[in-house]
Every structure is written in C-alpha cells, then in structure tokens.
Amino acid sequence: MDDDGEIYIDPQTQERHKICEEIVPSIYHYVKHPKYGGGWTRCCNGRLRHIQDCCSPSRIRINGDGSVTGYCQTGLRVFCITYRELEASC
C-alpha cells in the first residue's frame, strides 16, 4: 500500500525504507536501537499480508500499551508491527 492507502501498481515507483531501524527512532526518540524481529504471512480480506515485528527495549508500545515479549530476541519487546499487502490472494 502507498501513503494514500492505494495498492502499488508499479514496483519501479516504490520508495522503500527500513521502517523499524530508520523511521521508528526518528519519530519516537525514546525507542533506542530498534531491530527487525521477524515476520510472517497471514490471510486478511482475501489477500496475503506480510507482517513484521519491530523490537526494542522499550516497555511501551507505539499505542501506549505495555509492550509484549516472546516474539523478539532476549531483552527486546515488540514496539510495533508493519505490514505489506501482497498481490497474491489466499
């Protein structure tokens, strides 16, 4: 999905960022050294969605709740997740 919520049609025009490692700490200054924690794919609204964990030592999630353990390396917790809608249906 692009910034307007539309599906990317031309992959040549996609702008890619390391959301967890670059964008998260630039916006949430209290999140130090976030790391990609792994990803998985699930079916949402008939399309495959690839979901990725962004892990950090922060005890607070992006929405203000307590962060959860178990999906990240030891000592890190899930700060937020990002996802990408895939073209494949499920």
Protein backbone atom coordinates (compact mmCIF):
# COMPACT_ATOMS: atom_id res chain seq x y z
CA MET A 1 0.00 0.00 0.00
CA ASP A 2 1.20 3.52 -0.65
CA ASP A 3 0.86 6.53 1.65
CA ASP A 4 -2.64 7.17 0.28
CA GLY A 5 -3.83 3.62 1.00
CA GLU A 6 -3.75 2.60 -2.65
CA ILE A 7 -2.16 -0.64 -3.84
CA TYR A 8 1.21 -0.16 -5.54
CA ILE A 9 0.83 -0.99 -9.19
CA ASP A 10 4.31 -0.17 -10.49
CA PRO A 11 7.10 -1.61 -8.31
CA GLN A 12 9.59 0.73 -10.01
CA THR A 13 7.95 3.70 -8.27
CA GLN A 14 8.03 2.19 -4.78
CA GLU A 15 10.05 4.06 -2.22
CA ARG A 16 11.47 1.63 0.31
CA HIS A 17 12.53 2.40 3.87
CA LYS A 18 13.78 0.38 6.80
CA ILE A 19 10.77 1.36 8.87
CA CYS A 20 11.89 -0.26 12.10
CA GLU A 21 15.57 0.69 12.06
CA GLU A 22 15.28 4.16 10.47
CA ILE A 23 11.79 5.66 10.68
CA VAL A 24 10.72 4.49 14.17
CA PRO A 25 13.66 6.06 16.07
CA SER A 26 13.40 9.28 14.05
CA ILE A 27 9.80 9.74 15.24
CA TYR A 28 9.85 8.00 18.65
CA HIS A 29 13.08 9.30 20.18
CA TYR A 30 12.71 7.17 23.31
CA VAL A 31 12.98 3.99 21.20
CA LYS A 32 16.68 3.18 21.14
CA HIS A 33 18.23 0.70 18.71
CA PRO A 34 15.08 -1.00 17.35
CA LYS A 35 15.62 -4.20 15.39
CA TYR A 36 13.63 -6.25 12.91
CA GLY A 37 12.26 -9.15 14.94
CA GLY A 38 10.94 -11.46 12.26
CA GLY A 39 7.93 -11.74 10.03
CA TRP A 40 5.10 -13.98 8.99
CA THR A 41 2.30 -14.05 6.45
CA ARG A 42 -1.43 -14.31 7.12
CA CYS A 43 -4.65 -14.01 5.15
CA CYS A 44 -6.54 -10.71 5.53
CA ASN A 45 -9.59 -9.81 3.45
CA GLY A 46 -8.77 -12.48 0.88
CA ARG A 47 -5.18 -11.29 0.28
CA LEU A 48 -1.87 -12.32 1.76
CA ARG A 49 -0.39 -9.81 4.20
CA HIS A 50 3.26 -9.97 5.28
CA ILE A 51 3.64 -8.75 8.88
CA GLN A 52 6.92 -7.77 10.55
CA ASP A 53 7.75 -7.15 14.21
CA CYS A 54 9.80 -4.12 15.22
CA CYS A 55 11.54 -4.90 18.52
CA SER A 56 13.19 -2.58 21.03
CA PRO A 57 13.99 -2.45 24.73
CA SER A 58 11.05 -0.05 25.25
CA ARG A 59 8.41 -1.27 27.70
CA ILE A 60 5.80 0.87 25.92
CA ARG A 61 4.28 0.02 22.53
CA ILE A 62 3.56 2.55 19.82
CA ASN A 63 -0.07 2.83 21.02
CA GLY A 64 0.92 3.42 24.67
CA ASP A 65 0.12 -0.09 25.96
CA GLY A 66 2.72 -2.28 27.58
CA SER A 67 4.99 -3.97 25.06
CA VAL A 68 4.94 -7.75 24.75
CA THR A 69 7.75 -10.29 24.91
CA GLY A 70 8.08 -13.64 23.24
CA TYR A 71 8.42 -12.60 19.61
CA CYS A 72 11.75 -10.79 19.88
CA GLN A 73 15.32 -11.58 20.87
CA THR A 74 16.01 -11.81 24.59
CA GLY A 75 15.79 -8.39 26.23
CA LEU A 76 13.70 -6.86 23.44
CA ARG A 77 9.94 -6.39 23.15
CA VAL A 78 7.54 -5.71 20.28
CA PHE A 79 7.24 -1.93 19.87
CA CYS A 80 5.13 -2.04 16.70
CA ILE A 81 4.42 -4.11 13.63
CA THR A 82 4.43 -3.14 9.99
CA TYR A 83 2.76 -4.97 7.16
CA ARG A 84 2.71 -5.13 3.39
CA GLU A 85 -0.26 -6.27 1.35
CA LEU A 86 0.82 -8.83 -1.26
CA GLU A 87 -0.76 -9.28 -4.65
CA ALA A 88 -1.46 -12.97 -4.03
CA SER A 89 -4.89 -14.00 -2.86
CA CYS A 90 -5.32 -16.61 -0.15
